[in-house]
Amino acid sequence: MTIKVLIVDDSALVRNLLSEIVRNAPEFTLVGAAPDAYVARDMVKQFSPDVITLDIEMPRMDGLTFLEKLMVARPTPVVMISTLTDAGADATLQALELGAVDFIPKPKLGITEGFREYADLILEKLASAAKVRVKPLNLGAQQTKRPASEKISRERLQSTEKIIAIGASTGGTEAIKEVLMQLPSAVPGIVMTQHMPPGFTRTFAERLNKLTKLHVVEAKGGERILPGHAYLAPGGFHLLVVRSGADYVTKLSEGEMVHRHRPAVDVMMESVAEAGGKNVIGVLLTGMGKDGAKGMLDIRKHGGYTFAQDEQSCVVYGMPKEAVSIGGVNETVELANMGEAILSKLKSLGIGNRL
C-alpha cells in the first residue's frame, strides 16, 4: 500500500518539482497539489492524505493558520517546506509547536547539483512522517507550564564537574523544549545537538532561552560550560566538548558529516564521554536514523549514565531504539518524566541531596 501525499505550495514551480519527486517514487502516490489552503482543505477531505508538505507563505490563508486548523479538526502528519531565513526559521519552529512533524528547506529552483540528495531526503522525511500518529492540537494547553522540580535549590544542583548531553532529530525541537522546561536554573551545564540547518539553530536557541529557566545560547566555540547554561550546536558545525584544566569548554568543527549530519549527535556525545567520563549524563530523544546510539554507548563505557526517550512518547522512535539495541541505554523514560529522571540521577550522584 503506497503513501498518499498532498503537496501545498503557492509556487507552481515548487509544486511541480515536489510532485515530480513524489511521482517518481514507487512507494508514494501523489493525490494532489494545492496552490492555497482553501484548495488544500477540500483535497484533505476528498483524499485523506497520509502526509502533507506545507508551505508557510501562501495567499488567502498562511500555512501556520491552515496547520492550526488542520491539527484541531483533522490531525495529519505534515512536513513543512521552509525558507532558510530568520523569518522562515521562526515560522518553522512555530509550525513544529503546532504539531508539524518535520521540516525541510525549500528546493533551490533551477539547480540540478544535489537534486538527487534533496529528493532522497524529502522522501525519507515523508515516509517517516507518514508513520507518526499525530495528536489533535489542544489550543488550551499551557505551553509554559513548569513541573514541581523547580523547587530544587540553586546551591544543591550547581556543579562544574557534571555535564548533561542531549541529542535529538525529528520531533526534537519540541522534545528538547519540554525537557529543558522541566529543569531548574541551577542544573549542571548542558550541551545539545539537534539536526537543523544554519540559521535555524540560533532562532531555536533564542526561543528556548525565552521559554526556560536556563540561559540557552547557540554555541560559538571556546566557551566555558557553566551551570544553568545550555549550549546548542550551530547548524553546519559539530559541537564537541574538551577539557581545559578543571573546566569543560565548547569546540566547533567543520569535520566530515556523520550519518549525513553536521552537527551530529555522535560527535558531541563521544567527545563528552572522553572529557567527562563518569560525570556525564547522556539523553537521546526522538529522531530518525541512528545518530547518537554509538555516542550513548561511549558514555556508558566511560562510566556515565544514559537516558533514552521511550517509544510511546517519541515522534519517531529511531535514534533511541538504535541506542537501546546496542546496549547504550541505562534507562528508558517517557518524555514527560525526563526532567525528573535527570534530577533524580543528579541526586544519586550527590547533587540535590535535599530531594
Protein backbone atom coordinates (compact mmCIF):
# COMPACT_ATOMS: atom_id res chain seq x y z
CA MET A 1 0.00 0.00 0.00
CA THR A 2 1.51 3.31 -1.06
CA ILE A 3 1.78 6.50 0.99
CA LYS A 4 -0.67 9.19 -0.15
CA VAL A 5 0.95 12.63 -0.39
CA LEU A 6 -0.66 16.06 -0.73
CA ILE A 7 1.57 19.00 -1.72
CA VAL A 8 0.50 22.50 -0.66
CA ASP A 9 2.52 25.41 -2.07
CA ASP A 10 1.61 28.66 -3.82
CA SER A 11 4.59 28.39 -6.19
CA ALA A 12 3.77 26.41 -9.33
CA LEU A 13 7.47 25.65 -9.82
CA VAL A 14 7.83 24.22 -6.33
CA ARG A 15 4.61 22.23 -6.68
CA ASN A 16 5.82 20.75 -9.97
CA LEU A 17 9.24 19.90 -8.54
CA LEU A 18 7.87 18.23 -5.42
CA SER A 19 5.21 16.46 -7.49
CA GLU A 20 7.90 15.05 -9.77
CA ILE A 21 9.86 13.75 -6.78
CA VAL A 22 6.79 12.02 -5.33
CA ARG A 23 5.56 10.60 -8.66
CA ASN A 24 8.94 9.00 -9.36
CA ALA A 25 8.95 7.13 -6.05
CA PRO A 26 7.00 3.85 -6.31
CA GLU A 27 6.17 3.75 -2.59
CA PHE A 28 4.26 7.06 -2.82
CA THR A 29 1.08 8.22 -4.55
CA LEU A 30 0.56 11.92 -5.28
CA VAL A 31 -3.12 12.64 -4.53
CA GLY A 32 -2.98 16.37 -5.22
CA ALA A 33 -1.00 19.60 -5.44
CA ALA A 34 -2.85 22.58 -3.98
CA PRO A 35 -1.94 26.25 -4.63
CA ASP A 36 -3.51 27.53 -1.42
CA ALA A 37 -5.02 26.45 1.88
CA TYR A 38 -8.63 26.50 0.70
CA VAL A 39 -7.96 24.10 -2.15
CA ALA A 40 -5.85 22.01 0.23
CA ARG A 41 -8.72 21.84 2.74
CA ASP A 42 -11.00 20.34 0.10
CA MET A 43 -8.32 17.89 -1.02
CA VAL A 44 -7.74 16.75 2.56
CA LYS A 45 -11.44 15.95 2.86
CA GLN A 46 -11.54 14.23 -0.53
CA PHE A 47 -8.33 12.17 -0.45
CA SER A 48 -7.40 11.76 3.28
CA PRO A 49 -3.63 12.01 2.60
CA ASP A 50 -1.19 10.13 4.79
CA VAL A 51 1.22 13.08 4.81
CA ILE A 52 1.21 16.70 3.63
CA THR A 53 4.02 19.01 2.55
CA LEU A 54 3.10 22.57 3.51
CA ASP A 55 4.49 25.96 2.55
CA ILE A 56 4.30 28.71 5.17
CA GLU A 57 3.89 31.79 2.98
CA MET A 58 0.69 31.45 0.95
CA PRO A 59 -2.08 33.83 -0.18
CA ARG A 60 -5.57 33.95 1.35
CA MET A 61 -4.56 31.81 4.35
CA ASP A 62 -0.96 31.35 5.52
CA GLY A 63 0.48 27.93 6.26
CA LEU A 64 0.52 28.35 10.05
CA THR A 65 -3.17 29.22 10.17
CA PHE A 66 -4.03 26.27 7.93
CA LEU A 67 -1.82 23.95 10.03
CA GLU A 68 -3.51 25.02 13.26
CA LYS A 69 -6.99 24.41 11.79
CA LEU A 70 -5.88 21.06 10.35
CA MET A 71 -4.43 19.83 13.64
CA VAL A 72 -7.60 20.70 15.51
CA ALA A 73 -10.11 19.31 13.01
CA ARG A 74 -8.27 16.56 11.15
CA PRO A 75 -4.78 15.80 12.54
CA THR A 76 -2.48 14.72 9.71
CA PRO A 77 1.32 14.36 9.55
CA VAL A 78 2.81 17.50 8.00
CA VAL A 79 6.32 18.24 6.73
CA MET A 80 6.93 21.99 6.42
CA ILE A 81 8.75 23.40 3.40
CA SER A 82 10.81 26.20 4.93
CA THR A 83 12.86 29.13 3.67
CA LEU A 84 16.38 29.36 5.08
CA THR A 85 15.90 32.80 6.63
CA ASP A 86 15.44 34.11 10.17
CA ALA A 87 11.74 34.63 9.49
CA GLY A 88 11.49 31.17 7.97
CA ALA A 89 13.23 29.62 10.97
CA ASP A 90 10.90 31.34 13.44
CA ALA A 91 7.79 30.32 11.48
CA THR A 92 9.06 26.75 11.19
CA LEU A 93 9.54 26.48 14.95
CA GLN A 94 6.00 27.79 15.41
CA ALA A 95 4.80 25.12 12.99
CA LEU A 96 6.56 22.39 14.98
CA GLU A 97 4.89 23.71 18.13
CA LEU A 98 1.53 23.46 16.35
CA GLY A 99 2.14 19.80 15.52
CA ALA A 100 4.12 19.63 12.27
CA VAL A 101 6.28 16.50 12.31
CA ASP A 102 9.34 17.78 10.47
CA PHE A 103 10.63 20.36 8.01
CA ILE A 104 12.89 20.59 5.00
CA PRO A 105 14.38 23.62 3.23
CA LYS A 106 12.57 24.88 0.14
CA PRO A 107 14.22 23.45 -3.01
CA LYS A 108 16.58 25.66 -4.98
CA LEU A 109 14.89 26.01 -8.32
CA GLY A 110 16.99 25.66 -11.47
CA ILE A 111 19.89 23.99 -9.64
CA THR A 112 20.43 20.35 -10.57
CA GLU A 113 23.50 19.77 -8.37
CA GLY A 114 22.45 17.92 -5.25
CA PHE A 115 18.92 17.36 -6.53
CA ARG A 116 19.08 13.59 -6.03
CA GLU A 117 20.20 14.06 -2.43
CA TYR A 118 17.38 16.55 -1.85
CA ALA A 119 14.85 14.17 -3.37
CA ASP A 120 16.08 11.27 -1.24
CA LEU A 121 15.95 13.40 1.90
CA ILE A 122 12.39 14.62 1.36
CA LEU A 123 11.16 11.11 0.53
CA GLU A 124 12.81 9.80 3.67
CA LYS A 125 11.14 12.51 5.75
CA LEU A 126 7.75 11.91 4.14
CA ALA A 127 7.96 8.16 4.74
CA SER A 128 8.94 8.71 8.36
CA ALA A 129 6.28 11.38 8.94
CA ALA A 130 3.53 9.20 7.45
CA LYS A 131 4.07 6.67 10.26
CA VAL A 132 3.53 9.23 13.02
CA ARG A 133 0.27 9.16 14.94
CA VAL A 134 -0.50 12.85 15.19
CA LYS A 135 -2.43 14.03 18.23
CA PRO A 136 -5.16 16.66 17.98
CA LEU A 137 -3.89 20.14 18.82
CA ASN A 138 -5.02 21.37 22.24
CA LEU A 139 -5.21 25.14 21.89
CA GLY A 140 -5.78 25.50 25.62
CA ALA A 141 -2.55 23.71 26.56
CA GLN A 142 -0.23 25.68 28.79
CA GLN A 143 3.00 25.89 26.80
CA THR A 144 4.93 27.48 29.65
CA LYS A 145 3.81 25.20 32.49
CA ARG A 146 6.70 24.10 34.69
CA PRO A 147 6.72 20.98 36.87
CA ALA A 148 7.38 20.96 40.59
CA SER A 149 11.06 20.16 40.05
CA GLU A 150 11.73 23.93 40.12
CA LYS A 151 11.74 23.67 43.92
CA ILE A 152 15.32 22.31 43.83
CA SER A 153 17.63 24.91 45.31
CA ARG A 154 20.40 26.56 43.30
CA GLU A 155 23.09 25.67 45.84
CA ARG A 156 22.36 21.97 45.68
CA LEU A 157 22.44 21.50 41.94
CA GLN A 158 25.30 23.66 40.74
CA SER A 159 28.33 21.72 39.60
CA THR A 160 31.15 22.29 37.14
CA GLU A 161 32.05 18.59 37.18
CA LYS A 162 28.80 17.09 35.94
CA ILE A 163 27.66 17.68 32.37
CA ILE A 164 24.47 16.76 30.50
CA ALA A 165 24.48 15.95 26.77
CA ILE A 166 21.18 15.93 24.85
CA GLY A 167 20.71 14.75 21.27
CA ALA A 168 17.62 14.74 19.04
CA SER A 169 16.36 14.88 15.46
CA THR A 170 12.81 14.53 14.06
CA GLY A 171 10.39 15.86 16.68
CA GLY A 172 13.33 17.02 18.74
CA THR A 173 12.64 20.74 18.89
CA GLU A 174 9.52 20.18 20.97
CA ALA A 175 11.11 17.32 22.94
CA ILE A 176 14.18 19.37 23.88
CA LYS A 177 11.94 22.28 24.84
CA GLU A 178 9.86 20.05 27.10
CA VAL A 179 12.91 18.58 28.83
CA LEU A 180 14.54 21.96 29.43
CA MET A 181 11.28 23.40 30.77
CA GLN A 182 11.32 20.63 33.40
CA LEU A 183 14.75 21.66 34.69
CA PRO A 184 15.59 24.32 37.28
CA SER A 185 18.11 27.08 36.60
CA ALA A 186 20.86 25.52 38.69
CA VAL A 187 21.47 22.27 36.81
CA PRO A 188 24.96 21.41 35.57
CA GLY A 189 25.95 22.68 32.14
CA ILE A 190 24.13 21.21 29.16
CA VAL A 191 25.29 20.65 25.56
CA MET A 192 22.76 19.86 22.86
CA THR A 193 22.72 18.72 19.24
CA GLN A 194 19.53 18.94 17.19
CA HIS A 195 19.65 18.22 13.47
CA MET A 196 18.97 21.65 11.96
CA PRO A 197 20.43 23.78 9.16
CA PRO A 198 22.41 27.01 9.70
CA GLY A 199 20.26 29.91 10.86
CA PHE A 200 17.59 27.73 12.40
CA THR A 201 19.71 26.80 15.42
CA ARG A 202 20.21 30.42 16.53
CA THR A 203 16.47 31.05 16.36
CA PHE A 204 15.79 27.80 18.22
CA ALA A 205 18.29 28.71 20.97
CA GLU A 206 16.70 32.14 21.37
CA ARG A 207 13.27 30.55 21.69
CA LEU A 208 14.48 28.09 24.34
CA ASN A 209 16.16 30.92 26.22
CA LYS A 210 12.82 32.73 26.47
CA LEU A 211 10.78 29.67 27.47
CA THR A 212 13.03 28.02 30.06
CA LYS A 213 14.81 28.90 33.31
CA LEU A 214 18.16 28.23 31.64
CA HIS A 215 20.48 30.55 29.76
CA VAL A 216 20.38 28.95 26.30
CA VAL A 217 22.73 30.03 23.51
CA GLU A 218 23.93 28.81 20.15
CA ALA A 219 27.50 27.65 20.84
CA LYS A 220 30.27 29.86 19.44
CA GLY A 221 33.25 27.70 20.40
CA GLY A 222 35.71 28.35 23.21
CA GLU A 223 33.00 28.92 25.84
CA ARG A 224 33.41 27.61 29.35
CA ILE A 225 30.40 25.37 30.02
CA LEU A 226 28.68 26.83 33.06
CA PRO A 227 25.92 25.55 35.37
CA GLY A 228 22.49 26.83 34.41
CA HIS A 229 23.60 27.27 30.79
CA ALA A 230 22.73 25.20 27.72
CA TYR A 231 24.80 25.31 24.52
CA LEU A 232 23.21 24.31 21.21
CA ALA A 233 25.32 23.05 18.30
CA PRO A 234 25.10 25.57 15.43
CA GLY A 235 23.85 24.35 12.05
CA GLY A 236 26.76 23.33 9.83
CA PHE A 237 29.16 22.63 12.73
CA HIS A 238 29.78 19.70 15.02
CA LEU A 239 29.77 20.63 18.72
CA LEU A 240 32.48 18.99 20.82
CA VAL A 241 33.40 19.26 24.49
CA VAL A 242 37.03 19.36 25.60
CA ARG A 243 38.77 19.74 28.95
CA SER A 244 40.67 22.87 29.87
CA GLY A 245 42.04 22.30 33.34
CA ALA A 246 39.04 21.75 35.60
CA ASP A 247 36.61 23.20 33.07
CA TYR A 248 34.62 21.87 30.16
CA VAL A 249 34.90 24.05 27.05
CA THR A 250 32.93 24.06 23.79
CA LYS A 251 34.70 23.44 20.48
CA LEU A 252 33.26 23.67 16.97
CA SER A 253 34.33 21.58 13.99
CA GLU A 254 33.51 21.60 10.29
CA GLY A 255 34.64 17.99 10.01
CA GLU A 256 33.03 15.40 7.78
CA MET A 257 29.32 14.76 8.13
CA VAL A 258 28.39 11.82 10.33
CA HIS A 259 25.20 9.90 9.47
CA ARG A 260 24.67 12.65 6.85
CA HIS A 261 24.53 15.29 9.58
CA ARG A 262 26.63 18.20 10.74
CA PRO A 263 26.05 18.75 13.62
CA ALA A 264 25.92 15.09 14.59
CA VAL A 265 24.90 13.76 17.99
CA ASP A 266 27.54 11.01 17.96
CA VAL A 267 30.37 13.52 17.55
CA MET A 268 29.17 15.55 20.52
CA MET A 269 28.47 12.58 22.79
CA GLU A 270 31.74 10.82 22.01
CA SER A 271 33.67 13.98 22.92
CA VAL A 272 31.65 14.44 26.11
CA ALA A 273 32.30 10.83 27.11
CA GLU A 274 36.03 11.36 26.62
CA ALA A 275 36.08 14.65 28.50
CA GLY A 276 33.67 13.86 31.33
CA GLY A 277 33.77 10.10 31.92
CA LYS A 278 31.57 9.12 34.86
CA ASN A 279 30.38 12.72 35.29
CA VAL A 280 28.26 12.62 32.11
CA ILE A 281 24.53 12.15 31.77
CA GLY A 282 23.53 11.38 28.17
CA VAL A 283 19.97 11.91 26.91
CA LEU A 284 18.79 10.73 23.49
CA LEU A 285 15.40 11.94 22.31
CA THR A 286 13.11 11.33 19.34
CA GLY A 287 14.71 11.16 15.91
CA MET A 288 15.04 9.32 12.63
CA GLY A 289 18.12 7.16 11.97
CA LYS A 290 20.82 6.00 14.36
CA ASP A 291 22.84 9.13 15.15
CA GLY A 292 23.63 9.21 18.86
CA ALA A 293 23.44 5.47 19.51
CA LYS A 294 27.22 4.95 19.43
CA GLY A 295 27.74 8.12 21.45
CA MET A 296 25.39 6.88 24.16
CA LEU A 297 27.28 3.60 24.29
CA ASP A 298 30.55 5.51 24.62
CA ILE A 299 29.12 7.46 27.57
CA ARG A 300 28.17 4.19 29.28
CA LYS A 301 31.58 2.66 28.58
CA HIS A 302 33.25 5.68 30.18
CA GLY A 303 31.13 5.28 33.32
CA GLY A 304 28.41 7.84 32.58
CA TYR A 305 24.66 7.29 32.74
CA THR A 306 22.25 7.40 29.80
CA PHE A 307 18.53 8.01 29.29
CA ALA A 308 16.54 7.37 26.12
CA GLN A 309 13.05 8.62 25.35
CA ASP A 310 10.52 5.80 25.28
CA GLU A 311 8.76 4.67 22.11
CA GLN A 312 5.29 5.82 23.11
CA SER A 313 6.28 9.46 23.56
CA CYS A 314 8.65 9.66 20.56
CA VAL A 315 7.55 11.26 17.31
CA VAL A 316 9.99 8.86 15.62
CA TYR A 317 11.44 6.00 17.66
CA GLY A 318 14.58 5.64 15.55
CA MET A 319 17.62 7.02 17.35
CA PRO A 320 16.54 5.89 20.85
CA LYS A 321 15.68 2.43 19.51
CA GLU A 322 19.15 2.06 17.96
CA ALA A 323 20.80 3.12 21.21
CA VAL A 324 18.76 0.58 23.17
CA SER A 325 19.52 -2.18 20.67
CA ILE A 326 23.31 -1.80 21.02
CA GLY A 327 23.27 -1.53 24.81
CA GLY A 328 23.81 2.22 25.01
CA VAL A 329 20.91 2.98 27.36
CA ASN A 330 20.71 2.63 31.14
CA GLU A 331 17.12 3.75 31.41
CA THR A 332 14.17 4.39 29.07
CA VAL A 333 11.91 7.26 30.16
CA GLU A 334 8.70 8.90 28.97
CA LEU A 335 9.30 12.45 27.73
CA ALA A 336 7.03 13.98 30.37
CA ASN A 337 9.20 12.44 33.09
CA MET A 338 12.65 13.00 31.56
CA GLY A 339 13.43 16.10 33.61
CA GLU A 340 12.60 14.33 36.87
CA ALA A 341 14.68 11.32 35.82
CA ILE A 342 17.69 13.56 35.18
CA LEU A 343 17.25 15.34 38.51
CA SER A 344 16.88 12.04 40.37
CA LYS A 345 20.13 10.84 38.86
CA LEU A 346 21.87 14.05 39.85
CA LYS A 347 20.59 13.50 43.38
CA SER A 348 22.06 9.99 43.42
CA LEU A 349 25.39 11.49 42.38
CA GLY A 350 25.33 13.77 45.43
CA ILE A 351 23.78 16.82 43.80
CA GLY A 352 20.43 17.99 45.13
CA ASN A 353 20.68 15.92 48.31
CA ARG A 354 17.61 17.53 49.83
CA LEU A 355 15.29 15.71 47.42
